Amino acid sequence: MDMLDDDGATTTQPPFELDRSIVLVGLMGAGKTTIGRRLAKRLGVPFVDADAEIEKAAGCSIKDIFECYGEAAFREGERRVICRLMAGPPQIVATGGGAFMNDETRKRVKEAGVSVWLKADIPTLVARVGKRDTRPLLSKGDPETILRELAAKRDPFYAEADIHVESRDGPHDNVVDAVIDALRNRQAA
């Protein structure tokens, strides 16, 4: 439903009100940040990128965290940041690809949020991640091979998400619509 805001501009009424955070999970390149921003706008809630929050807390880039302190230190910081985000008001949270692997993080997300697995096939992921060189896990080999190995390890954990949505090529709004439909169906059940 369209409405006018205080400045007379047309705005869209959110399709429903969130009572908990929506947490996007999936492999790098699945579209968690891109879809998350659009989803937040459509639902009228804040968007938070967990990786950006980790960088802010650490005072350096994720790449630097990996290089200086190692993956284990990054994952511990990631766990703490996501637990803090889950204690806040309803928002859309885009997580890093490995975040949902942590038992405590998964438990906290299940208690305080709704998890959405954005699932994309490997060729789509390879095409998307090839656009940037900021992904530490892809810096040590063939991206396709690494993504296949990560999918084999992580997909069983992602499958525990409350909602599964295919993240295909095409307009981002199609994926946002699919997430909103799945959330609406979940609320109606």
N, C-alpha and C. Protein backbone atom coordinates (compact mmCIF):
# COMPACT_ATOMS: atom_id res chain seq x y z
N MET A 1 0.84 -1.17 0.00
CA MET A 1 0.00 0.00 0.00
C MET A 1 0.89 1.24 0.00
N ASP A 2 0.65 2.15 -0.92
CA ASP A 2 1.43 3.38 -1.00
C ASP A 2 0.84 4.44 -0.09
N MET A 3 1.74 5.24 0.51
CA MET A 3 1.35 6.32 1.41
C MET A 3 2.23 7.52 1.08
N LEU A 4 1.88 8.69 1.62
CA LEU A 4 2.72 9.88 1.49
C LEU A 4 3.47 10.09 2.79
N ASP A 5 4.79 10.38 2.69
CA ASP A 5 5.56 10.66 3.89
C ASP A 5 5.41 12.15 4.24
N ASP A 6 6.11 12.60 5.28
CA ASP A 6 6.00 13.98 5.75
C ASP A 6 6.37 15.01 4.69
N ASP A 7 7.20 14.62 3.71
CA ASP A 7 7.62 15.53 2.66
C ASP A 7 6.73 15.44 1.42
N GLY A 8 5.69 14.61 1.48
CA GLY A 8 4.79 14.45 0.36
C GLY A 8 5.25 13.43 -0.67
N ALA A 9 6.35 12.73 -0.40
CA ALA A 9 6.84 11.70 -1.31
C ALA A 9 6.09 10.40 -1.06
N THR A 10 5.93 9.62 -2.12
CA THR A 10 5.25 8.35 -1.99
C THR A 10 6.16 7.33 -1.32
N THR A 11 5.64 6.66 -0.31
CA THR A 11 6.37 5.58 0.35
C THR A 11 5.49 4.34 0.34
N THR A 12 6.09 3.21 0.55
CA THR A 12 5.34 1.97 0.56
C THR A 12 5.18 1.49 1.99
N GLN A 13 3.97 1.15 2.35
CA GLN A 13 3.69 0.59 3.67
C GLN A 13 4.32 -0.80 3.73
N PRO A 14 5.10 -1.10 4.77
CA PRO A 14 5.66 -2.46 4.88
C PRO A 14 4.55 -3.50 4.88
N PRO A 15 4.80 -4.67 4.30
CA PRO A 15 3.75 -5.69 4.21
C PRO A 15 3.35 -6.29 5.56
N PHE A 16 4.21 -6.17 6.56
CA PHE A 16 3.92 -6.64 7.91
C PHE A 16 4.97 -6.09 8.84
N GLU A 17 4.71 -6.15 10.13
CA GLU A 17 5.65 -5.64 11.11
C GLU A 17 6.49 -6.79 11.66
N LEU A 18 7.78 -6.54 11.79
CA LEU A 18 8.68 -7.56 12.33
C LEU A 18 8.66 -7.51 13.85
N ASP A 19 8.65 -8.69 14.46
CA ASP A 19 8.77 -8.76 15.91
C ASP A 19 10.11 -9.35 16.33
N ARG A 20 10.91 -9.72 15.33
CA ARG A 20 12.26 -10.25 15.57
C ARG A 20 13.12 -9.99 14.35
N SER A 21 14.42 -10.10 14.53
CA SER A 21 15.35 -9.85 13.43
C SER A 21 15.29 -10.97 12.40
N ILE A 22 15.56 -10.59 11.16
CA ILE A 22 15.70 -11.54 10.06
C ILE A 22 17.19 -11.65 9.79
N VAL A 23 17.72 -12.86 9.83
CA VAL A 23 19.16 -13.10 9.69
C VAL A 23 19.41 -13.88 8.41
N LEU A 24 20.13 -13.25 7.49
CA LEU A 24 20.43 -13.87 6.21
C LEU A 24 21.73 -14.65 6.30
N VAL A 25 21.67 -15.91 5.90
CA VAL A 25 22.84 -16.79 5.93
C VAL A 25 23.04 -17.38 4.54
N GLY A 26 24.25 -17.87 4.29
CA GLY A 26 24.57 -18.50 3.01
C GLY A 26 26.01 -18.21 2.64
N LEU A 27 26.45 -18.84 1.58
CA LEU A 27 27.82 -18.68 1.12
C LEU A 27 28.08 -17.26 0.62
N MET A 28 29.36 -16.89 0.60
CA MET A 28 29.74 -15.59 0.03
C MET A 28 29.24 -15.54 -1.40
N GLY A 29 28.70 -14.39 -1.76
CA GLY A 29 28.17 -14.22 -3.10
C GLY A 29 26.71 -14.58 -3.24
N ALA A 30 26.08 -15.07 -2.17
CA ALA A 30 24.67 -15.45 -2.25
C ALA A 30 23.75 -14.23 -2.31
N GLY A 31 24.27 -13.07 -1.92
CA GLY A 31 23.48 -11.85 -2.00
C GLY A 31 22.97 -11.35 -0.67
N LYS A 32 23.58 -11.79 0.42
CA LYS A 32 23.07 -11.42 1.75
C LYS A 32 23.05 -9.91 1.97
N THR A 33 24.10 -9.22 1.57
CA THR A 33 24.15 -7.77 1.78
C THR A 33 23.22 -7.04 0.81
N THR A 34 23.28 -7.38 -0.45
CA THR A 34 22.44 -6.73 -1.46
C THR A 34 20.97 -6.95 -1.18
N ILE A 35 20.59 -8.19 -0.95
CA ILE A 35 19.18 -8.51 -0.67
C ILE A 35 18.79 -7.94 0.68
N GLY A 36 19.70 -8.01 1.64
CA GLY A 36 19.41 -7.49 2.98
C GLY A 36 19.06 -6.02 2.99
N ARG A 37 19.83 -5.23 2.26
CA ARG A 37 19.55 -3.78 2.18
C ARG A 37 18.17 -3.52 1.59
N ARG A 38 17.85 -4.20 0.53
CA ARG A 38 16.55 -4.00 -0.13
C ARG A 38 15.41 -4.52 0.74
N LEU A 39 15.64 -5.64 1.40
CA LEU A 39 14.61 -6.20 2.28
C LEU A 39 14.33 -5.25 3.44
N ALA A 40 15.38 -4.70 4.03
CA ALA A 40 15.22 -3.76 5.14
C ALA A 40 14.41 -2.55 4.71
N LYS A 41 14.71 -2.03 3.53
CA LYS A 41 13.98 -0.87 3.03
C LYS A 41 12.50 -1.20 2.84
N ARG A 42 12.23 -2.36 2.26
CA ARG A 42 10.84 -2.77 2.02
C ARG A 42 10.08 -3.00 3.33
N LEU A 43 10.79 -3.49 4.35
CA LEU A 43 10.12 -3.79 5.63
C LEU A 43 10.18 -2.61 6.60
N GLY A 44 10.90 -1.56 6.23
CA GLY A 44 10.97 -0.38 7.07
C GLY A 44 11.72 -0.57 8.37
N VAL A 45 12.79 -1.40 8.31
CA VAL A 45 13.62 -1.64 9.49
C VAL A 45 15.08 -1.41 9.12
N PRO A 46 15.96 -1.26 10.12
CA PRO A 46 17.39 -1.07 9.82
C PRO A 46 18.02 -2.31 9.20
N PHE A 47 19.09 -2.06 8.45
CA PHE A 47 19.92 -3.12 7.90
C PHE A 47 21.28 -3.06 8.59
N VAL A 48 21.80 -4.22 8.96
CA VAL A 48 23.13 -4.30 9.56
C VAL A 48 23.91 -5.40 8.87
N ASP A 49 25.12 -5.07 8.42
CA ASP A 49 26.02 -6.06 7.85
C ASP A 49 26.97 -6.48 8.97
N ALA A 50 26.90 -7.73 9.39
CA ALA A 50 27.71 -8.21 10.51
C ALA A 50 29.20 -8.02 10.23
N ASP A 51 29.63 -8.22 8.98
CA ASP A 51 31.05 -8.03 8.66
C ASP A 51 31.48 -6.59 8.89
N ALA A 52 30.64 -5.63 8.51
CA ALA A 52 30.97 -4.22 8.75
C ALA A 52 31.03 -3.92 10.24
N GLU A 53 30.16 -4.54 11.01
CA GLU A 53 30.17 -4.36 12.47
C GLU A 53 31.44 -4.96 13.09
N ILE A 54 31.88 -6.08 12.56
CA ILE A 54 33.12 -6.71 13.03
C ILE A 54 34.31 -5.79 12.74
N GLU A 55 34.36 -5.24 11.53
CA GLU A 55 35.44 -4.33 11.17
C GLU A 55 35.44 -3.09 12.06
N LYS A 56 34.25 -2.58 12.34
CA LYS A 56 34.14 -1.41 13.21
C LYS A 56 34.65 -1.74 14.61
N ALA A 57 34.25 -2.88 15.14
CA ALA A 57 34.67 -3.29 16.49
C ALA A 57 36.18 -3.53 16.56
N ALA A 58 36.73 -4.13 15.50
CA ALA A 58 38.17 -4.47 15.48
C ALA A 58 39.04 -3.30 15.07
N GLY A 59 38.47 -2.33 14.39
CA GLY A 59 39.26 -1.20 13.91
C GLY A 59 40.14 -1.54 12.73
N CYS A 60 39.82 -2.61 12.03
CA CYS A 60 40.57 -2.99 10.83
C CYS A 60 39.70 -3.87 9.94
N SER A 61 40.18 -4.15 8.73
CA SER A 61 39.41 -4.93 7.77
C SER A 61 39.40 -6.41 8.15
N ILE A 62 38.43 -7.11 7.60
CA ILE A 62 38.36 -8.56 7.83
C ILE A 62 39.62 -9.22 7.27
N LYS A 63 40.07 -8.76 6.13
CA LYS A 63 41.30 -9.30 5.54
C LYS A 63 42.46 -9.15 6.53
N ASP A 64 42.57 -7.98 7.16
CA ASP A 64 43.63 -7.75 8.14
C ASP A 64 43.46 -8.62 9.38
N ILE A 65 42.23 -8.81 9.81
CA ILE A 65 41.97 -9.67 10.97
C ILE A 65 42.48 -11.08 10.67
N PHE A 66 42.11 -11.59 9.48
CA PHE A 66 42.55 -12.93 9.08
C PHE A 66 44.08 -13.01 9.05
N GLU A 67 44.72 -12.01 8.44
CA GLU A 67 46.18 -12.04 8.27
C GLU A 67 46.92 -11.88 9.59
N CYS A 68 46.44 -10.99 10.46
CA CYS A 68 47.16 -10.69 11.71
C CYS A 68 46.81 -11.63 12.85
N TYR A 69 45.56 -12.06 12.91
CA TYR A 69 45.10 -12.81 14.09
C TYR A 69 44.60 -14.22 13.77
N GLY A 70 44.29 -14.48 12.51
CA GLY A 70 43.83 -15.79 12.11
C GLY A 70 42.31 -15.91 12.08
N GLU A 71 41.87 -16.98 11.43
CA GLU A 71 40.43 -17.20 11.27
C GLU A 71 39.73 -17.43 12.61
N ALA A 72 40.37 -18.12 13.54
CA ALA A 72 39.73 -18.42 14.84
C ALA A 72 39.38 -17.12 15.58
N ALA A 73 40.29 -16.16 15.57
CA ALA A 73 40.02 -14.87 16.23
C ALA A 73 38.89 -14.14 15.52
N PHE A 74 38.88 -14.19 14.20
CA PHE A 74 37.79 -13.56 13.45
C PHE A 74 36.46 -14.19 13.83
N ARG A 75 36.41 -15.52 13.87
CA ARG A 75 35.15 -16.23 14.16
C ARG A 75 34.65 -15.90 15.58
N GLU A 76 35.56 -15.74 16.53
CA GLU A 76 35.16 -15.38 17.89
C GLU A 76 34.55 -13.98 17.91
N GLY A 77 35.18 -13.04 17.21
CA GLY A 77 34.63 -11.69 17.11
C GLY A 77 33.29 -11.69 16.41
N GLU A 78 33.18 -12.49 15.38
CA GLU A 78 31.93 -12.62 14.63
C GLU A 78 30.81 -13.13 15.54
N ARG A 79 31.12 -14.13 16.34
CA ARG A 79 30.12 -14.70 17.26
C ARG A 79 29.63 -13.63 18.23
N ARG A 80 30.56 -12.88 18.82
CA ARG A 80 30.19 -11.85 19.79
C ARG A 80 29.33 -10.76 19.14
N VAL A 81 29.72 -10.33 17.95
CA VAL A 81 28.97 -9.27 17.26
C VAL A 81 27.55 -9.74 16.93
N ILE A 82 27.41 -10.95 16.42
CA ILE A 82 26.07 -11.43 16.06
C ILE A 82 25.21 -11.61 17.31
N CYS A 83 25.78 -12.10 18.39
CA CYS A 83 25.01 -12.21 19.64
C CYS A 83 24.53 -10.83 20.10
N ARG A 84 25.38 -9.82 19.96
CA ARG A 84 24.98 -8.45 20.32
C ARG A 84 23.86 -7.96 19.41
N LEU A 85 23.98 -8.21 18.13
CA LEU A 85 22.95 -7.78 17.19
C LEU A 85 21.61 -8.46 17.47
N MET A 86 21.67 -9.71 17.87
CA MET A 86 20.44 -10.45 18.14
C MET A 86 19.74 -9.94 19.40
N ALA A 87 20.47 -9.26 20.26
CA ALA A 87 19.87 -8.70 21.48
C ALA A 87 19.19 -7.36 21.21
N GLY A 88 19.36 -6.82 20.01
CA GLY A 88 18.81 -5.51 19.67
C GLY A 88 17.41 -5.61 19.11
N PRO A 89 16.90 -4.48 18.63
CA PRO A 89 15.56 -4.43 18.06
C PRO A 89 15.50 -5.17 16.71
N PRO A 90 14.30 -5.46 16.22
CA PRO A 90 14.18 -6.15 14.93
C PRO A 90 14.88 -5.38 13.82
N GLN A 91 15.65 -6.11 13.04
CA GLN A 91 16.41 -5.54 11.93
C GLN A 91 16.75 -6.67 10.97
N ILE A 92 17.30 -6.30 9.83
CA ILE A 92 17.79 -7.30 8.88
C ILE A 92 19.29 -7.40 9.10
N VAL A 93 19.78 -8.61 9.33
CA VAL A 93 21.20 -8.84 9.59
C VAL A 93 21.77 -9.74 8.50
N ALA A 94 22.77 -9.24 7.78
CA ALA A 94 23.50 -10.04 6.81
C ALA A 94 24.74 -10.57 7.53
N THR A 95 24.89 -11.89 7.56
CA THR A 95 26.03 -12.50 8.24
C THR A 95 27.11 -12.86 7.23
N GLY A 96 28.30 -13.09 7.73
CA GLY A 96 29.37 -13.64 6.92
C GLY A 96 29.05 -15.10 6.62
N GLY A 97 29.66 -15.64 5.58
CA GLY A 97 29.35 -17.00 5.15
C GLY A 97 29.57 -18.08 6.19
N GLY A 98 30.53 -17.88 7.11
CA GLY A 98 30.83 -18.90 8.10
C GLY A 98 30.12 -18.73 9.43
N ALA A 99 29.41 -17.64 9.61
CA ALA A 99 28.81 -17.33 10.91
C ALA A 99 27.86 -18.41 11.41
N PHE A 100 27.04 -18.95 10.53
CA PHE A 100 26.01 -19.91 10.95
C PHE A 100 26.60 -21.28 11.29
N MET A 101 27.91 -21.43 11.06
CA MET A 101 28.58 -22.69 11.41
C MET A 101 28.76 -22.81 12.92
N ASN A 102 28.82 -21.69 13.61
CA ASN A 102 29.06 -21.68 15.06
C ASN A 102 27.79 -22.09 15.80
N ASP A 103 27.90 -23.11 16.66
CA ASP A 103 26.73 -23.62 17.38
C ASP A 103 26.03 -22.54 18.21
N GLU A 104 26.83 -21.74 18.91
CA GLU A 104 26.24 -20.70 19.76
C GLU A 104 25.53 -19.63 18.92
N THR A 105 26.12 -19.26 17.81
CA THR A 105 25.50 -18.28 16.93
C THR A 105 24.18 -18.82 16.38
N ARG A 106 24.19 -20.06 15.89
CA ARG A 106 22.97 -20.67 15.36
C ARG A 106 21.88 -20.70 16.42
N LYS A 107 22.26 -21.09 17.64
CA LYS A 107 21.29 -21.17 18.74
C LYS A 107 20.71 -19.79 19.04
N ARG A 108 21.55 -18.79 19.10
CA ARG A 108 21.09 -17.43 19.40
C ARG A 108 20.17 -16.89 18.30
N VAL A 109 20.52 -17.17 17.05
CA VAL A 109 19.68 -16.73 15.94
C VAL A 109 18.33 -17.43 16.02
N LYS A 110 18.31 -18.72 16.32
CA LYS A 110 17.03 -19.44 16.42
C LYS A 110 16.17 -18.90 17.56
N GLU A 111 16.80 -18.51 18.66
CA GLU A 111 16.05 -17.98 19.81
C GLU A 111 15.48 -16.59 19.55
N ALA A 112 16.24 -15.75 18.88
CA ALA A 112 15.87 -14.33 18.80
C ALA A 112 15.54 -13.84 17.39
N GLY A 113 15.66 -14.68 16.39
CA GLY A 113 15.44 -14.22 15.03
C GLY A 113 14.83 -15.28 14.15
N VAL A 114 14.74 -14.95 12.89
CA VAL A 114 14.30 -15.89 11.86
C VAL A 114 15.45 -15.95 10.85
N SER A 115 15.97 -17.14 10.62
CA SER A 115 17.09 -17.29 9.69
C SER A 115 16.58 -17.61 8.29
N VAL A 116 17.22 -16.99 7.31
CA VAL A 116 16.86 -17.18 5.90
C VAL A 116 18.13 -17.57 5.15
N TRP A 117 18.11 -18.77 4.58
CA TRP A 117 19.24 -19.24 3.77
C TRP A 117 19.04 -18.76 2.34
N LEU A 118 19.92 -17.88 1.89
CA LEU A 118 19.95 -17.48 0.49
C LEU A 118 20.88 -18.45 -0.22
N LYS A 119 20.30 -19.31 -1.02
CA LYS A 119 21.04 -20.39 -1.66
C LYS A 119 21.23 -20.10 -3.14
N ALA A 120 22.47 -20.14 -3.58
CA ALA A 120 22.79 -19.92 -5.00
C ALA A 120 23.66 -21.07 -5.48
N ASP A 121 23.55 -21.39 -6.78
CA ASP A 121 24.39 -22.46 -7.31
C ASP A 121 25.84 -21.97 -7.46
N ILE A 122 26.75 -22.90 -7.58
CA ILE A 122 28.18 -22.58 -7.61
C ILE A 122 28.55 -21.66 -8.78
N PRO A 123 28.10 -21.91 -10.01
CA PRO A 123 28.47 -20.97 -11.09
C PRO A 123 28.02 -19.53 -10.81
N THR A 124 26.86 -19.36 -10.22
CA THR A 124 26.37 -18.02 -9.87
C THR A 124 27.27 -17.39 -8.82
N LEU A 125 27.64 -18.17 -7.81
CA LEU A 125 28.51 -17.66 -6.75
C LEU A 125 29.88 -17.26 -7.31
N VAL A 126 30.43 -18.10 -8.18
CA VAL A 126 31.75 -17.81 -8.76
C VAL A 126 31.69 -16.50 -9.54
N ALA A 127 30.64 -16.31 -10.33
CA ALA A 127 30.51 -15.07 -11.11
C ALA A 127 30.40 -13.86 -10.19
N ARG A 128 29.66 -14.00 -9.10
CA ARG A 128 29.47 -12.87 -8.19
C ARG A 128 30.72 -12.54 -7.39
N VAL A 129 31.41 -13.54 -6.86
CA VAL A 129 32.58 -13.25 -6.01
C VAL A 129 33.78 -12.81 -6.82
N GLY A 130 33.77 -13.08 -8.12
CA GLY A 130 34.88 -12.67 -8.97
C GLY A 130 34.94 -11.16 -9.18
N LYS A 131 33.89 -10.47 -8.76
CA LYS A 131 33.82 -9.02 -8.95
C LYS A 131 34.64 -8.25 -7.92
N ARG A 132 35.01 -8.91 -6.81
CA ARG A 132 35.79 -8.23 -5.76
C ARG A 132 36.88 -9.18 -5.26
N ASP A 133 37.97 -8.61 -4.75
CA ASP A 133 39.06 -9.44 -4.23
C ASP A 133 39.22 -9.27 -2.72
N THR A 134 38.11 -9.08 -2.03
CA THR A 134 38.16 -8.81 -0.59
C THR A 134 37.81 -10.04 0.25
N ARG A 135 37.79 -11.20 -0.34
CA ARG A 135 37.36 -12.40 0.36
C ARG A 135 38.56 -13.25 0.75
N PRO A 136 38.97 -13.19 2.02
CA PRO A 136 40.19 -13.90 2.45
C PRO A 136 40.19 -15.40 2.15
N LEU A 137 39.04 -16.05 2.27
CA LEU A 137 39.01 -17.50 2.05
C LEU A 137 39.25 -17.87 0.59
N LEU A 138 39.06 -16.93 -0.32
CA LEU A 138 39.25 -17.22 -1.75
C LEU A 138 40.63 -16.84 -2.25
N SER A 139 41.46 -16.29 -1.38
CA SER A 139 42.76 -15.77 -1.82
C SER A 139 43.82 -16.86 -1.98
N LYS A 140 43.49 -18.08 -1.63
CA LYS A 140 44.52 -19.12 -1.64
C LYS A 140 44.20 -20.28 -2.58
N GLY A 141 43.59 -19.97 -3.72
CA GLY A 141 43.30 -21.06 -4.65
C GLY A 141 42.20 -20.69 -5.63
N ASP A 142 41.73 -21.69 -6.34
CA ASP A 142 40.69 -21.54 -7.34
C ASP A 142 39.35 -21.28 -6.65
N PRO A 143 38.70 -20.14 -6.91
CA PRO A 143 37.44 -19.82 -6.23
C PRO A 143 36.36 -20.89 -6.38
N GLU A 144 36.24 -21.46 -7.58
CA GLU A 144 35.19 -22.47 -7.77
C GLU A 144 35.44 -23.69 -6.88
N THR A 145 36.68 -24.16 -6.84
CA THR A 145 37.01 -25.31 -6.00
C THR A 145 36.77 -24.99 -4.53
N ILE A 146 37.19 -23.82 -4.11
CA ILE A 146 37.00 -23.42 -2.70
C ILE A 146 35.53 -23.30 -2.37
N LEU A 147 34.73 -22.71 -3.26
CA LEU A 147 33.29 -22.57 -3.00
C LEU A 147 32.61 -23.93 -2.95
N ARG A 148 33.02 -24.86 -3.80
CA ARG A 148 32.43 -26.21 -3.76
C ARG A 148 32.75 -26.89 -2.42
N GLU A 149 34.00 -26.73 -1.96
CA GLU A 149 34.39 -27.32 -0.68
C GLU A 149 33.62 -26.67 0.47
N LEU A 150 33.49 -25.34 0.43
CA LEU A 150 32.74 -24.64 1.48
C LEU A 150 31.27 -25.07 1.47
N ALA A 151 30.69 -25.20 0.29
CA ALA A 151 29.29 -25.63 0.20
C ALA A 151 29.11 -27.01 0.80
N ALA A 152 30.04 -27.91 0.51
CA ALA A 152 29.93 -29.27 1.06
C ALA A 152 29.95 -29.26 2.58
N LYS A 153 30.77 -28.38 3.17
CA LYS A 153 30.87 -28.29 4.63
C LYS A 153 29.72 -27.52 5.25
N ARG A 154 29.32 -26.42 4.60
CA ARG A 154 28.39 -25.48 5.22
C ARG A 154 26.92 -25.72 4.92
N ASP A 155 26.62 -26.28 3.75
CA ASP A 155 25.21 -26.45 3.39
C ASP A 155 24.39 -27.21 4.44
N PRO A 156 24.93 -28.25 5.08
CA PRO A 156 24.13 -28.91 6.12
C PRO A 156 23.74 -27.98 7.28
N PHE A 157 24.61 -27.01 7.58
CA PHE A 157 24.28 -26.04 8.64
C PHE A 157 23.28 -25.01 8.12
N TYR A 158 23.49 -24.53 6.90
CA TYR A 158 22.55 -23.59 6.31
C TYR A 158 21.16 -24.21 6.21
N ALA A 159 21.11 -25.51 5.97
CA ALA A 159 19.82 -26.21 5.84
C ALA A 159 19.00 -26.14 7.13
N GLU A 160 19.64 -25.81 8.25
CA GLU A 160 18.92 -25.65 9.51
C GLU A 160 18.19 -24.31 9.60
N ALA A 161 18.39 -23.44 8.61
CA ALA A 161 17.72 -22.14 8.61
C ALA A 161 16.21 -22.34 8.56
N ASP A 162 15.50 -21.36 9.11
CA ASP A 162 14.03 -21.43 9.17
C ASP A 162 13.40 -21.37 7.78
N ILE A 163 14.01 -20.60 6.88
CA ILE A 163 13.47 -20.38 5.54
C ILE A 163 14.59 -20.56 4.53
N HIS A 164 14.27 -21.17 3.39
CA HIS A 164 15.23 -21.34 2.30
C HIS A 164 14.71 -20.60 1.07
N VAL A 165 15.54 -19.76 0.47
CA VAL A 165 15.15 -19.01 -0.73
C VAL A 165 16.28 -19.10 -1.74
N GLU A 166 15.92 -19.41 -2.98
CA GLU A 166 16.91 -19.45 -4.06
C GLU A 166 17.31 -18.04 -4.44
N SER A 167 18.61 -17.80 -4.52
CA SER A 167 19.16 -16.51 -4.94
C SER A 167 19.69 -16.68 -6.35
N ARG A 168 18.83 -16.38 -7.31
CA ARG A 168 19.19 -16.57 -8.72
C ARG A 168 19.61 -15.26 -9.35
N ASP A 169 20.20 -15.36 -10.53
CA ASP A 169 20.46 -14.16 -11.32
C ASP A 169 19.12 -13.58 -11.73
N GLY A 170 19.13 -12.30 -11.98
CA GLY A 170 17.90 -11.61 -12.33
C GLY A 170 17.69 -10.46 -11.38
N PRO A 171 16.56 -9.80 -11.48
CA PRO A 171 16.31 -8.65 -10.61
C PRO A 171 16.36 -9.04 -9.13
N HIS A 172 17.08 -8.22 -8.35
CA HIS A 172 17.19 -8.49 -6.91
C HIS A 172 15.82 -8.48 -6.24
N ASP A 173 14.91 -7.67 -6.77
CA ASP A 173 13.58 -7.58 -6.16
C ASP A 173 12.83 -8.90 -6.22
N ASN A 174 13.16 -9.77 -7.19
CA ASN A 174 12.52 -11.09 -7.24
C ASN A 174 12.89 -11.91 -6.01
N VAL A 175 14.16 -11.83 -5.60
CA VAL A 175 14.60 -12.56 -4.40
C VAL A 175 13.99 -11.93 -3.16
N VAL A 176 13.96 -10.59 -3.11
CA VAL A 176 13.34 -9.90 -1.98
C VAL A 176 11.87 -10.31 -1.87
N ASP A 177 11.17 -10.35 -2.99
CA ASP A 177 9.76 -10.77 -2.98
C ASP A 177 9.62 -12.20 -2.44
N ALA A 178 10.52 -13.08 -2.85
CA ALA A 178 10.46 -14.47 -2.38
C ALA A 178 10.69 -14.55 -0.88
N VAL A 179 11.62 -13.74 -0.35
CA VAL A 179 11.86 -13.73 1.09
C VAL A 179 10.62 -13.19 1.82
N ILE A 180 10.05 -12.11 1.33
CA ILE A 180 8.86 -11.54 1.97
C ILE A 180 7.71 -12.54 1.94
N ASP A 181 7.50 -13.21 0.81
CA ASP A 181 6.44 -14.22 0.73
C ASP A 181 6.66 -15.33 1.74
N ALA A 182 7.91 -15.80 1.85
CA ALA A 182 8.23 -16.87 2.81
C ALA A 182 8.01 -16.40 4.25
N LEU A 183 8.39 -15.16 4.54
CA LEU A 183 8.17 -14.62 5.89
C LEU A 183 6.68 -14.48 6.19
N ARG A 184 5.94 -14.01 5.21
CA ARG A 184 4.48 -13.86 5.38
C ARG A 184 3.83 -15.23 5.62
N ASN A 185 4.23 -16.24 4.84
CA ASN A 185 3.71 -17.59 5.03
C ASN A 185 4.07 -18.15 6.39
N ARG A 186 5.26 -17.85 6.85
CA ARG A 186 5.70 -18.32 8.19
C ARG A 186 4.85 -17.68 9.27
N GLN A 187 4.57 -16.37 9.14
CA GLN A 187 3.77 -15.68 10.14
C GLN A 187 2.33 -16.21 10.15
N ALA A 188 1.82 -16.60 8.96
CA ALA A 188 0.44 -17.07 8.87
C ALA A 188 0.28 -18.48 9.42
N ALA A 189 1.38 -19.23 9.46
CA ALA A 189 1.30 -20.65 9.90
C ALA A 189 1.09 -20.77 11.40
